[in-house]
Amino acid sequence: MAGVVDSIGRGGQRWAETRHGWNRQLIRKGEGELDSGVDIVDRVSQRGRKKAEEIHPHLLRDIRAIADPNSQTDPSFRSTRLYVRITASEVHRRLKDRFGYDAERMPCVRTVNSKLNFLKLHPRKVAKSKPLKKIKETDAIFEMVHEINALADSDPRQLRISMDTKATVKIGEFSRGGYRRGGCQALDHDFKADATLVPFGI
């Protein structure tokens, strides 16, 4: 393109723009390459603003160090998401106080929130599973439990095992609110479950 314009002479750029729709800025770039004999590299990938973790190499590690102790999984186990009980503003404040980030150069709260999402740590207040209402026999039950625990603590031959169960999980090709659990296939309606499981831990 630059060679054609140069062969036309004065007014060649305007003629090429009106006749062929060539971009005049691109033509000037070609003329610069003809004059210097060196290809001009655009370096598009090097343009724009760098990511926050490139400016602060330890940013993701520091955010995880703050968020992990305050994270928990969904109490119902219906998704594999991790939720953090602190906001992005609080994480931003702790980055400055705990790790000494410069107030002028550190990322903003919105960026911290984006990095939490990138790390799959979703700020959200998670309500714990509500216990059953207290019945009149509750006090008697706990008195017996405390008595048995005291006897077990005093006897080194006793082994005590504690088991905790969670909410029932339906097994089937359910959409589960749009979050994938295993495979990608899901039914368009929630039909009868293939089975139900009760997650528990010992």
N, C-alpha and C. Protein backbone atom coordinates (compact mmCIF):
# COMPACT_ATOMS: atom_id res chain seq x y z
N MET A 1 0.83 -1.20 0.00
CA MET A 1 0.00 0.00 0.00
C MET A 1 0.86 1.25 0.00
N ALA A 2 1.90 1.28 0.83
CA ALA A 2 2.78 2.45 0.87
C ALA A 2 3.52 2.62 -0.45
N GLY A 3 3.91 1.50 -1.08
CA GLY A 3 4.60 1.59 -2.36
C GLY A 3 3.71 2.16 -3.45
N VAL A 4 2.43 1.78 -3.46
CA VAL A 4 1.49 2.30 -4.44
C VAL A 4 1.29 3.80 -4.25
N VAL A 5 1.13 4.23 -3.01
CA VAL A 5 0.91 5.64 -2.71
C VAL A 5 2.14 6.47 -3.09
N ASP A 6 3.33 5.94 -2.78
CA ASP A 6 4.55 6.67 -3.12
C ASP A 6 4.71 6.80 -4.64
N SER A 7 4.27 5.79 -5.38
CA SER A 7 4.40 5.86 -6.83
C SER A 7 3.46 6.90 -7.44
N ILE A 8 2.35 7.19 -6.74
CA ILE A 8 1.42 8.21 -7.23
C ILE A 8 1.97 9.61 -6.99
N GLY A 9 2.66 9.76 -5.84
CA GLY A 9 3.23 11.07 -5.54
C GLY A 9 2.32 11.88 -4.63
N ARG A 10 2.37 13.21 -4.78
CA ARG A 10 1.62 14.11 -3.91
C ARG A 10 0.11 13.84 -4.04
N GLY A 11 -0.55 13.75 -2.90
CA GLY A 11 -1.99 13.47 -2.89
C GLY A 11 -2.33 12.00 -3.02
N GLY A 12 -1.30 11.16 -2.98
CA GLY A 12 -1.54 9.73 -3.13
C GLY A 12 -2.34 9.12 -1.97
N GLN A 13 -2.08 9.61 -0.75
CA GLN A 13 -2.81 9.08 0.39
C GLN A 13 -4.30 9.38 0.29
N ARG A 14 -4.63 10.61 -0.06
CA ARG A 14 -6.05 10.99 -0.18
C ARG A 14 -6.73 10.19 -1.30
N TRP A 15 -6.00 10.01 -2.42
CA TRP A 15 -6.58 9.26 -3.54
C TRP A 15 -6.85 7.81 -3.13
N ALA A 16 -5.90 7.20 -2.43
CA ALA A 16 -6.07 5.80 -2.02
C ALA A 16 -7.21 5.66 -1.00
N GLU A 17 -7.36 6.67 -0.15
CA GLU A 17 -8.43 6.62 0.85
C GLU A 17 -9.80 6.74 0.20
N THR A 18 -9.95 7.68 -0.74
CA THR A 18 -11.26 7.90 -1.37
C THR A 18 -11.57 6.83 -2.42
N ARG A 19 -10.56 6.36 -3.13
CA ARG A 19 -10.79 5.40 -4.22
C ARG A 19 -10.91 3.96 -3.70
N HIS A 20 -10.04 3.57 -2.77
CA HIS A 20 -10.00 2.17 -2.32
C HIS A 20 -10.40 2.00 -0.84
N GLY A 21 -10.58 3.11 -0.11
CA GLY A 21 -10.94 2.99 1.30
C GLY A 21 -9.79 2.57 2.19
N TRP A 22 -8.55 2.81 1.72
CA TRP A 22 -7.39 2.44 2.54
C TRP A 22 -7.26 3.39 3.72
N ASN A 23 -6.78 2.85 4.81
CA ASN A 23 -6.59 3.65 6.02
C ASN A 23 -5.30 4.46 5.91
N ARG A 24 -5.41 5.77 6.10
CA ARG A 24 -4.24 6.63 5.92
C ARG A 24 -3.20 6.40 7.02
N GLN A 25 -3.67 6.06 8.22
CA GLN A 25 -2.71 5.79 9.30
C GLN A 25 -1.91 4.53 9.00
N LEU A 26 -2.57 3.54 8.41
CA LEU A 26 -1.87 2.31 8.02
C LEU A 26 -0.88 2.60 6.89
N ILE A 27 -1.27 3.48 5.98
CA ILE A 27 -0.36 3.85 4.90
C ILE A 27 0.90 4.52 5.45
N ARG A 28 0.71 5.43 6.43
CA ARG A 28 1.87 6.11 7.03
C ARG A 28 2.78 5.10 7.74
N LYS A 29 2.17 4.10 8.36
CA LYS A 29 2.99 3.08 9.00
C LYS A 29 3.82 2.33 7.95
N GLY A 30 3.20 2.02 6.81
CA GLY A 30 3.94 1.34 5.75
C GLY A 30 5.06 2.20 5.18
N GLU A 31 4.81 3.50 5.08
CA GLU A 31 5.87 4.39 4.59
C GLU A 31 7.03 4.45 5.57
N GLY A 32 6.72 4.41 6.86
CA GLY A 32 7.79 4.37 7.85
C GLY A 32 8.62 3.11 7.74
N GLU A 33 7.96 1.96 7.44
CA GLU A 33 8.69 0.71 7.26
C GLU A 33 9.56 0.76 6.00
N LEU A 34 9.02 1.41 4.93
CA LEU A 34 9.82 1.52 3.69
C LEU A 34 11.06 2.39 3.93
N ASP A 35 10.89 3.47 4.67
CA ASP A 35 12.02 4.37 4.90
C ASP A 35 13.08 3.73 5.78
N SER A 36 12.66 3.01 6.83
CA SER A 36 13.64 2.43 7.78
C SER A 36 14.10 1.04 7.38
N GLY A 37 13.29 0.34 6.58
CA GLY A 37 13.64 -1.03 6.22
C GLY A 37 13.39 -2.03 7.32
N VAL A 38 12.71 -1.60 8.37
CA VAL A 38 12.43 -2.47 9.53
C VAL A 38 10.92 -2.54 9.73
N ASP A 39 10.39 -3.76 9.95
CA ASP A 39 8.97 -3.92 10.21
C ASP A 39 8.60 -3.31 11.56
N ILE A 40 7.50 -2.59 11.59
CA ILE A 40 7.01 -1.98 12.83
C ILE A 40 6.06 -2.96 13.50
N VAL A 41 6.42 -3.43 14.68
CA VAL A 41 5.60 -4.39 15.43
C VAL A 41 4.58 -3.62 16.26
N ASP A 42 3.32 -4.05 16.18
CA ASP A 42 2.26 -3.33 16.89
C ASP A 42 2.37 -3.45 18.41
N ARG A 43 2.76 -4.65 18.91
CA ARG A 43 2.82 -4.92 20.35
C ARG A 43 1.46 -4.66 21.03
N VAL A 44 0.42 -5.15 20.39
CA VAL A 44 -0.92 -4.94 20.96
C VAL A 44 -1.05 -5.58 22.34
N SER A 45 -0.40 -6.75 22.52
CA SER A 45 -0.51 -7.44 23.79
C SER A 45 0.13 -6.66 24.94
N GLN A 46 1.05 -5.72 24.61
CA GLN A 46 1.71 -4.95 25.66
C GLN A 46 1.01 -3.64 25.96
N ARG A 47 -0.09 -3.38 25.25
CA ARG A 47 -0.82 -2.15 25.51
C ARG A 47 -1.76 -2.32 26.70
N GLY A 48 -2.29 -1.22 27.12
CA GLY A 48 -3.29 -1.24 28.19
C GLY A 48 -2.67 -1.37 29.57
N ARG A 49 -3.55 -1.50 30.54
CA ARG A 49 -3.13 -1.53 31.93
C ARG A 49 -2.78 -2.95 32.35
N LYS A 50 -1.75 -3.10 33.14
CA LYS A 50 -1.35 -4.41 33.63
C LYS A 50 -2.33 -4.89 34.69
N LYS A 51 -2.39 -6.22 34.85
CA LYS A 51 -3.23 -6.79 35.89
C LYS A 51 -2.66 -6.46 37.27
N ALA A 52 -3.55 -6.43 38.24
CA ALA A 52 -3.13 -6.07 39.60
C ALA A 52 -2.10 -7.04 40.13
N GLU A 53 -2.24 -8.34 39.79
CA GLU A 53 -1.28 -9.32 40.30
C GLU A 53 0.07 -9.22 39.61
N GLU A 54 0.14 -8.54 38.47
CA GLU A 54 1.43 -8.29 37.83
C GLU A 54 2.13 -7.12 38.51
N ILE A 55 1.37 -6.13 38.95
CA ILE A 55 1.95 -5.00 39.67
C ILE A 55 2.34 -5.42 41.09
N HIS A 56 1.48 -6.24 41.73
CA HIS A 56 1.74 -6.74 43.08
C HIS A 56 1.81 -8.27 42.99
N PRO A 57 3.01 -8.85 42.84
CA PRO A 57 3.12 -10.30 42.60
C PRO A 57 2.52 -11.16 43.70
N HIS A 58 2.45 -10.66 44.94
CA HIS A 58 1.95 -11.47 46.05
C HIS A 58 0.50 -11.16 46.38
N LEU A 59 -0.20 -10.45 45.52
CA LEU A 59 -1.56 -10.01 45.84
C LEU A 59 -2.51 -11.19 46.04
N LEU A 60 -2.54 -12.13 45.09
CA LEU A 60 -3.45 -13.27 45.20
C LEU A 60 -3.14 -14.11 46.43
N ARG A 61 -1.87 -14.29 46.71
CA ARG A 61 -1.50 -15.07 47.90
C ARG A 61 -1.94 -14.37 49.17
N ASP A 62 -1.79 -13.05 49.23
CA ASP A 62 -2.18 -12.30 50.42
C ASP A 62 -3.70 -12.29 50.60
N ILE A 63 -4.44 -12.16 49.48
CA ILE A 63 -5.90 -12.19 49.58
C ILE A 63 -6.37 -13.54 50.09
N ARG A 64 -5.76 -14.62 49.58
CA ARG A 64 -6.15 -15.95 50.05
C ARG A 64 -5.79 -16.15 51.52
N ALA A 65 -4.65 -15.59 51.95
CA ALA A 65 -4.27 -15.72 53.36
C ALA A 65 -5.27 -15.03 54.28
N ILE A 66 -5.89 -13.96 53.80
CA ILE A 66 -6.90 -13.25 54.59
C ILE A 66 -8.24 -13.96 54.52
N ALA A 67 -8.61 -14.45 53.34
CA ALA A 67 -9.96 -15.00 53.14
C ALA A 67 -10.11 -16.43 53.61
N ASP A 68 -9.06 -17.25 53.48
CA ASP A 68 -9.19 -18.67 53.81
C ASP A 68 -9.66 -18.94 55.24
N PRO A 69 -9.10 -18.25 56.27
CA PRO A 69 -9.60 -18.52 57.62
C PRO A 69 -11.06 -18.12 57.82
N ASN A 70 -11.60 -17.30 56.93
CA ASN A 70 -12.99 -16.84 57.05
C ASN A 70 -13.89 -17.46 56.00
N SER A 71 -13.47 -18.56 55.40
CA SER A 71 -14.26 -19.18 54.34
C SER A 71 -14.93 -20.44 54.85
N GLN A 72 -16.03 -20.78 54.22
CA GLN A 72 -16.72 -22.02 54.54
C GLN A 72 -17.50 -22.47 53.32
N THR A 73 -17.78 -23.75 53.28
CA THR A 73 -18.55 -24.30 52.18
C THR A 73 -20.04 -24.13 52.45
N ASP A 74 -20.84 -24.39 51.45
CA ASP A 74 -22.28 -24.30 51.59
C ASP A 74 -22.74 -25.31 52.64
N PRO A 75 -23.46 -24.88 53.71
CA PRO A 75 -23.87 -25.82 54.77
C PRO A 75 -24.72 -26.97 54.25
N SER A 76 -25.48 -26.75 53.18
CA SER A 76 -26.35 -27.80 52.66
C SER A 76 -25.63 -28.72 51.68
N PHE A 77 -24.38 -28.39 51.33
CA PHE A 77 -23.58 -29.17 50.38
C PHE A 77 -24.26 -29.28 49.01
N ARG A 78 -25.10 -28.33 48.65
CA ARG A 78 -25.75 -28.36 47.35
C ARG A 78 -24.87 -27.75 46.26
N SER A 79 -23.76 -27.16 46.63
CA SER A 79 -22.79 -26.65 45.66
C SER A 79 -21.41 -26.76 46.27
N THR A 80 -20.41 -26.66 45.42
CA THR A 80 -19.02 -26.77 45.88
C THR A 80 -18.39 -25.40 46.08
N ARG A 81 -19.21 -24.35 46.07
CA ARG A 81 -18.67 -23.00 46.23
C ARG A 81 -18.12 -22.79 47.64
N LEU A 82 -17.13 -21.90 47.71
CA LEU A 82 -16.62 -21.44 49.00
C LEU A 82 -17.09 -20.01 49.22
N TYR A 83 -17.60 -19.74 50.39
CA TYR A 83 -18.08 -18.41 50.73
C TYR A 83 -17.19 -17.83 51.84
N VAL A 84 -16.93 -16.54 51.74
CA VAL A 84 -16.17 -15.86 52.79
C VAL A 84 -17.10 -14.92 53.54
N ARG A 85 -16.89 -14.86 54.85
CA ARG A 85 -17.79 -14.08 55.70
C ARG A 85 -17.31 -12.65 55.89
N ILE A 86 -16.34 -12.21 55.09
CA ILE A 86 -15.88 -10.83 55.15
C ILE A 86 -16.06 -10.20 53.77
N THR A 87 -16.26 -8.90 53.75
CA THR A 87 -16.50 -8.20 52.50
C THR A 87 -15.18 -7.86 51.80
N ALA A 88 -15.32 -7.44 50.54
CA ALA A 88 -14.13 -7.01 49.81
C ALA A 88 -13.51 -5.76 50.44
N SER A 89 -14.35 -4.90 51.02
CA SER A 89 -13.83 -3.70 51.69
C SER A 89 -12.96 -4.08 52.89
N GLU A 90 -13.39 -5.12 53.62
CA GLU A 90 -12.61 -5.56 54.78
C GLU A 90 -11.31 -6.21 54.34
N VAL A 91 -11.34 -6.99 53.26
CA VAL A 91 -10.11 -7.57 52.73
C VAL A 91 -9.17 -6.47 52.27
N HIS A 92 -9.71 -5.43 51.65
CA HIS A 92 -8.91 -4.29 51.20
C HIS A 92 -8.24 -3.61 52.39
N ARG A 93 -8.97 -3.44 53.47
CA ARG A 93 -8.42 -2.78 54.67
C ARG A 93 -7.32 -3.63 55.28
N ARG A 94 -7.53 -4.95 55.35
CA ARG A 94 -6.52 -5.83 55.96
C ARG A 94 -5.27 -5.94 55.09
N LEU A 95 -5.42 -5.82 53.78
CA LEU A 95 -4.23 -5.80 52.92
C LEU A 95 -3.32 -4.64 53.29
N LYS A 96 -3.94 -3.50 53.55
CA LYS A 96 -3.16 -2.31 53.89
C LYS A 96 -2.57 -2.42 55.29
N ASP A 97 -3.37 -2.91 56.25
CA ASP A 97 -2.91 -2.96 57.65
C ASP A 97 -1.95 -4.12 57.90
N ARG A 98 -2.27 -5.28 57.34
CA ARG A 98 -1.51 -6.49 57.67
C ARG A 98 -0.27 -6.65 56.80
N PHE A 99 -0.39 -6.33 55.51
CA PHE A 99 0.72 -6.57 54.59
C PHE A 99 1.41 -5.30 54.14
N GLY A 100 0.94 -4.14 54.61
CA GLY A 100 1.63 -2.89 54.35
C GLY A 100 1.58 -2.40 52.92
N TYR A 101 0.47 -2.63 52.23
CA TYR A 101 0.34 -2.12 50.86
C TYR A 101 0.25 -0.60 50.87
N ASP A 102 0.89 0.01 49.88
CA ASP A 102 0.86 1.46 49.75
C ASP A 102 -0.55 1.91 49.40
N ALA A 103 -1.08 2.88 50.15
CA ALA A 103 -2.46 3.32 49.96
C ALA A 103 -2.68 3.91 48.58
N GLU A 104 -1.66 4.51 47.98
CA GLU A 104 -1.82 5.15 46.67
C GLU A 104 -1.69 4.16 45.51
N ARG A 105 -0.90 3.10 45.70
CA ARG A 105 -0.65 2.16 44.61
C ARG A 105 -1.43 0.86 44.74
N MET A 106 -2.04 0.59 45.88
CA MET A 106 -2.73 -0.68 46.06
C MET A 106 -4.03 -0.72 45.26
N PRO A 107 -4.50 -1.89 44.87
CA PRO A 107 -5.73 -2.00 44.07
C PRO A 107 -6.95 -1.51 44.85
N CYS A 108 -7.96 -1.07 44.10
CA CYS A 108 -9.17 -0.56 44.74
C CYS A 108 -10.05 -1.72 45.23
N VAL A 109 -11.13 -1.37 45.92
CA VAL A 109 -12.03 -2.38 46.48
C VAL A 109 -12.66 -3.21 45.38
N ARG A 110 -13.01 -2.57 44.27
CA ARG A 110 -13.64 -3.30 43.16
C ARG A 110 -12.68 -4.34 42.59
N THR A 111 -11.40 -4.00 42.50
CA THR A 111 -10.42 -4.96 42.01
C THR A 111 -10.26 -6.12 42.97
N VAL A 112 -10.24 -5.82 44.29
CA VAL A 112 -10.15 -6.89 45.28
C VAL A 112 -11.35 -7.82 45.17
N ASN A 113 -12.54 -7.28 44.94
CA ASN A 113 -13.73 -8.10 44.78
C ASN A 113 -13.60 -9.00 43.55
N SER A 114 -13.03 -8.45 42.45
CA SER A 114 -12.83 -9.25 41.24
C SER A 114 -11.84 -10.38 41.50
N LYS A 115 -10.80 -10.11 42.28
CA LYS A 115 -9.81 -11.15 42.56
C LYS A 115 -10.40 -12.22 43.47
N LEU A 116 -11.29 -11.84 44.38
CA LEU A 116 -11.97 -12.85 45.21
C LEU A 116 -12.80 -13.78 44.33
N ASN A 117 -13.49 -13.21 43.35
CA ASN A 117 -14.26 -14.03 42.42
C ASN A 117 -13.34 -14.91 41.58
N PHE A 118 -12.18 -14.36 41.19
CA PHE A 118 -11.22 -15.14 40.40
C PHE A 118 -10.71 -16.33 41.20
N LEU A 119 -10.52 -16.15 42.51
CA LEU A 119 -10.07 -17.23 43.38
C LEU A 119 -11.22 -18.13 43.82
N LYS A 120 -12.45 -17.86 43.31
CA LYS A 120 -13.65 -18.62 43.65
C LYS A 120 -13.96 -18.53 45.14
N LEU A 121 -13.72 -17.36 45.69
CA LEU A 121 -14.09 -17.05 47.08
C LEU A 121 -15.15 -15.97 47.01
N HIS A 122 -16.38 -16.34 47.24
CA HIS A 122 -17.50 -15.44 47.01
C HIS A 122 -17.95 -14.83 48.33
N PRO A 123 -17.82 -13.50 48.47
CA PRO A 123 -18.27 -12.84 49.71
C PRO A 123 -19.78 -13.01 49.86
N ARG A 124 -20.17 -13.57 50.98
CA ARG A 124 -21.59 -13.78 51.22
C ARG A 124 -21.79 -14.18 52.68
N LYS A 125 -22.85 -13.66 53.25
CA LYS A 125 -23.20 -14.04 54.61
C LYS A 125 -23.94 -15.37 54.55
N VAL A 126 -23.34 -16.41 55.13
CA VAL A 126 -23.91 -17.75 55.05
C VAL A 126 -24.61 -18.07 56.35
N ALA A 127 -25.89 -18.34 56.26
CA ALA A 127 -26.66 -18.72 57.45
C ALA A 127 -26.41 -20.18 57.77
N LYS A 128 -26.06 -20.47 59.01
CA LYS A 128 -25.82 -21.84 59.42
C LYS A 128 -27.13 -22.60 59.50
N SER A 129 -27.05 -23.91 59.43
CA SER A 129 -28.25 -24.72 59.51
C SER A 129 -28.95 -24.47 60.85
N LYS A 130 -30.24 -24.23 60.80
CA LYS A 130 -30.99 -23.93 62.02
C LYS A 130 -31.26 -25.22 62.79
N PRO A 131 -30.96 -25.25 64.09
CA PRO A 131 -31.23 -26.45 64.88
C PRO A 131 -32.72 -26.60 65.14
N LEU A 132 -33.09 -27.80 65.55
CA LEU A 132 -34.48 -28.03 65.93
C LEU A 132 -34.82 -27.25 67.18
N LYS A 133 -36.10 -26.97 67.33
CA LYS A 133 -36.53 -26.24 68.51
C LYS A 133 -36.24 -27.06 69.77
N LYS A 134 -35.95 -26.37 70.82
CA LYS A 134 -35.64 -27.02 72.09
C LYS A 134 -36.88 -27.68 72.67
N ILE A 135 -36.73 -28.92 73.07
CA ILE A 135 -37.83 -29.64 73.69
C ILE A 135 -37.58 -29.74 75.19
N LYS A 136 -38.58 -30.16 75.91
CA LYS A 136 -38.46 -30.16 77.37
C LYS A 136 -37.45 -31.19 77.87
N GLU A 137 -37.20 -32.23 77.08
CA GLU A 137 -36.23 -33.25 77.51
C GLU A 137 -34.78 -32.87 77.18
N THR A 138 -34.58 -31.69 76.55
CA THR A 138 -33.23 -31.32 76.11
C THR A 138 -32.26 -31.24 77.28
N ASP A 139 -32.65 -30.58 78.37
CA ASP A 139 -31.75 -30.43 79.52
C ASP A 139 -31.35 -31.79 80.08
N ALA A 140 -32.31 -32.69 80.18
CA ALA A 140 -32.00 -34.02 80.71
C ALA A 140 -31.04 -34.77 79.80
N ILE A 141 -31.23 -34.61 78.47
CA ILE A 141 -30.36 -35.28 77.52
C ILE A 141 -28.92 -34.76 77.66
N PHE A 142 -28.75 -33.43 77.75
CA PHE A 142 -27.40 -32.88 77.84
C PHE A 142 -26.75 -33.19 79.19
N GLU A 143 -27.54 -33.27 80.24
CA GLU A 143 -26.97 -33.68 81.53
C GLU A 143 -26.39 -35.08 81.44
N MET A 144 -27.13 -35.99 80.77
CA MET A 144 -26.64 -37.35 80.60
C MET A 144 -25.38 -37.37 79.73
N VAL A 145 -25.38 -36.55 78.66
CA VAL A 145 -24.20 -36.49 77.79
C VAL A 145 -22.98 -36.00 78.55
N HIS A 146 -23.14 -34.95 79.34
CA HIS A 146 -22.01 -34.42 80.13
C HIS A 146 -21.50 -35.46 81.13
N GLU A 147 -22.41 -36.20 81.70
CA GLU A 147 -22.01 -37.23 82.67
C GLU A 147 -21.23 -38.34 82.00
N ILE A 148 -21.70 -38.77 80.83
CA ILE A 148 -20.99 -39.83 80.10
C ILE A 148 -19.63 -39.32 79.61
N ASN A 149 -19.57 -38.06 79.16
CA ASN A 149 -18.29 -37.50 78.72
C ASN A 149 -17.28 -37.44 79.85
N ALA A 150 -17.75 -37.06 81.03
CA ALA A 150 -16.85 -37.00 82.19
C ALA A 150 -16.30 -38.38 82.52
N LEU A 151 -17.14 -39.41 82.46
CA LEU A 151 -16.67 -40.78 82.71
C LEU A 151 -15.66 -41.24 81.66
N ALA A 152 -15.93 -40.85 80.39
CA ALA A 152 -15.01 -41.24 79.31
C ALA A 152 -13.67 -40.53 79.44
N ASP A 153 -13.69 -39.25 79.88
CA ASP A 153 -12.44 -38.51 80.05
C ASP A 153 -11.57 -39.11 81.14
N SER A 154 -12.20 -39.66 82.17
CA SER A 154 -11.43 -40.21 83.30
C SER A 154 -10.92 -41.62 83.04
N ASP A 155 -11.40 -42.27 82.01
CA ASP A 155 -10.98 -43.65 81.71
C ASP A 155 -10.14 -43.64 80.44
N PRO A 156 -8.84 -43.89 80.52
CA PRO A 156 -7.99 -43.86 79.32
C PRO A 156 -8.30 -44.98 78.33
N ARG A 157 -9.07 -45.99 78.76
CA ARG A 157 -9.39 -47.10 77.86
C ARG A 157 -10.61 -46.81 77.00
N GLN A 158 -11.28 -45.71 77.26
CA GLN A 158 -12.49 -45.38 76.51
C GLN A 158 -12.15 -44.65 75.21
N LEU A 159 -12.82 -45.00 74.14
CA LEU A 159 -12.69 -44.32 72.85
C LEU A 159 -14.02 -43.65 72.53
N ARG A 160 -13.98 -42.35 72.30
CA ARG A 160 -15.21 -41.60 72.05
C ARG A 160 -15.24 -41.19 70.58
N ILE A 161 -16.34 -41.46 69.92
CA ILE A 161 -16.52 -41.14 68.50
C ILE A 161 -17.69 -40.18 68.36
N SER A 162 -17.48 -39.11 67.59
CA SER A 162 -18.54 -38.13 67.34
C SER A 162 -18.89 -38.15 65.86
N MET A 163 -20.19 -38.17 65.56
CA MET A 163 -20.65 -38.21 64.18
C MET A 163 -21.59 -37.03 63.93
N ASP A 164 -21.37 -36.34 62.81
CA ASP A 164 -22.18 -35.18 62.47
C ASP A 164 -22.76 -35.38 61.08
N THR A 165 -24.06 -35.13 60.92
CA THR A 165 -24.70 -35.28 59.62
C THR A 165 -25.14 -33.93 59.09
N LYS A 166 -25.28 -33.85 57.76
CA LYS A 166 -25.71 -32.63 57.10
C LYS A 166 -27.04 -32.85 56.40
N ALA A 167 -27.50 -31.81 55.71
CA ALA A 167 -28.79 -31.88 55.04
C ALA A 167 -28.78 -32.95 53.94
N THR A 168 -29.93 -33.56 53.72
CA THR A 168 -30.07 -34.60 52.71
C THR A 168 -29.83 -34.03 51.31
N VAL A 169 -29.10 -34.78 50.49
CA VAL A 169 -28.79 -34.36 49.12
C VAL A 169 -29.48 -35.31 48.16
N LYS A 170 -30.26 -34.75 47.22
CA LYS A 170 -30.92 -35.57 46.21
C LYS A 170 -29.93 -35.91 45.10
N ILE A 171 -29.97 -37.16 44.64
CA ILE A 171 -29.08 -37.63 43.59
C ILE A 171 -29.88 -37.72 42.29
N GLY A 172 -29.41 -37.06 41.26
CA GLY A 172 -30.08 -37.07 39.97
C GLY A 172 -29.52 -35.98 39.07
N GLU A 173 -30.07 -35.89 37.87
CA GLU A 173 -29.58 -34.89 36.91
C GLU A 173 -30.32 -33.57 37.13
N PHE A 174 -30.07 -32.95 38.28
CA PHE A 174 -30.71 -31.69 38.63
C PHE A 174 -29.82 -30.53 38.21
N SER A 175 -30.45 -29.38 37.94
CA SER A 175 -29.68 -28.20 37.54
C SER A 175 -28.95 -27.60 38.73
N ARG A 176 -29.48 -27.78 39.95
CA ARG A 176 -28.86 -27.27 41.18
C ARG A 176 -28.59 -25.79 41.11
N GLY A 177 -29.58 -25.04 40.64
CA GLY A 177 -29.43 -23.59 40.61
C GLY A 177 -28.46 -23.08 39.57
N GLY A 178 -28.11 -23.92 38.59
CA GLY A 178 -27.21 -23.47 37.53
C GLY A 178 -25.76 -23.81 37.79
N TYR A 179 -25.44 -24.44 38.93
CA TYR A 179 -24.05 -24.78 39.23
C TYR A 179 -23.82 -26.26 38.93
N ARG A 180 -22.74 -26.54 38.25
CA ARG A 180 -22.44 -27.89 37.83
C ARG A 180 -21.90 -28.71 38.99
N ARG A 181 -22.37 -29.93 39.12
CA ARG A 181 -21.88 -30.85 40.15
C ARG A 181 -21.57 -32.16 39.44
N GLY A 182 -20.33 -32.32 39.01
CA GLY A 182 -19.97 -33.50 38.25
C GLY A 182 -20.14 -33.26 36.77
N GLY A 183 -21.09 -33.97 36.14
CA GLY A 183 -21.29 -33.86 34.71
C GLY A 183 -22.04 -32.60 34.31
N CYS A 184 -22.17 -32.42 33.00
CA CYS A 184 -22.80 -31.21 32.47
C CYS A 184 -24.28 -31.40 32.18
N GLN A 185 -24.76 -32.64 32.05
CA GLN A 185 -26.12 -32.89 31.63
C GLN A 185 -27.09 -32.66 32.80
N ALA A 186 -28.21 -32.01 32.51
CA ALA A 186 -29.22 -31.77 33.53
C ALA A 186 -30.59 -31.78 32.87
N LEU A 187 -31.60 -32.21 33.63
CA LEU A 187 -32.97 -32.23 33.13
C LEU A 187 -33.57 -30.84 33.19
N ASP A 188 -34.55 -30.58 32.31
CA ASP A 188 -35.16 -29.25 32.31
C ASP A 188 -36.19 -29.10 33.42
N HIS A 189 -36.62 -30.21 34.03
CA HIS A 189 -37.51 -30.16 35.20
C HIS A 189 -36.94 -31.08 36.27
N ASP A 190 -37.24 -30.77 37.52
CA ASP A 190 -36.77 -31.61 38.62
C ASP A 190 -37.78 -32.73 38.85
N PHE A 191 -37.44 -33.92 38.33
CA PHE A 191 -38.30 -35.08 38.54
C PHE A 191 -37.89 -35.80 39.83
N LYS A 192 -38.46 -36.94 40.05
CA LYS A 192 -38.17 -37.68 41.27
C LYS A 192 -36.70 -38.05 41.32
N ALA A 193 -36.11 -37.93 42.49
CA ALA A 193 -34.68 -38.21 42.65
C ALA A 193 -34.40 -39.68 42.50
N ASP A 194 -33.22 -40.00 41.93
CA ASP A 194 -32.80 -41.40 41.82
C ASP A 194 -32.53 -41.99 43.20
N ALA A 195 -32.01 -41.18 44.08
CA ALA A 195 -31.70 -41.61 45.45
C ALA A 195 -31.44 -40.37 46.29
N THR A 196 -31.33 -40.56 47.57
CA THR A 196 -30.98 -39.46 48.49
C THR A 196 -29.83 -39.93 49.37
N LEU A 197 -28.92 -39.01 49.63
CA LEU A 197 -27.77 -39.29 50.48
C LEU A 197 -27.73 -38.31 51.64
N VAL A 198 -27.23 -38.78 52.77
CA VAL A 198 -27.06 -37.92 53.93
C VAL A 198 -25.56 -37.81 54.21
N PRO A 199 -24.92 -36.70 53.83
CA PRO A 199 -23.48 -36.56 54.12
C PRO A 199 -23.22 -36.55 55.62
N PHE A 200 -22.17 -37.23 56.02
CA PHE A 200 -21.85 -37.25 57.45
C PHE A 200 -20.33 -37.36 57.62
N GLY A 201 -19.91 -37.02 58.78
CA GLY A 201 -18.49 -37.12 59.11
C GLY A 201 -18.33 -37.67 60.50
N ILE A 202 -17.23 -38.42 60.69
CA ILE A 202 -16.95 -39.03 61.99
C ILE A 202 -15.73 -38.37 62.59
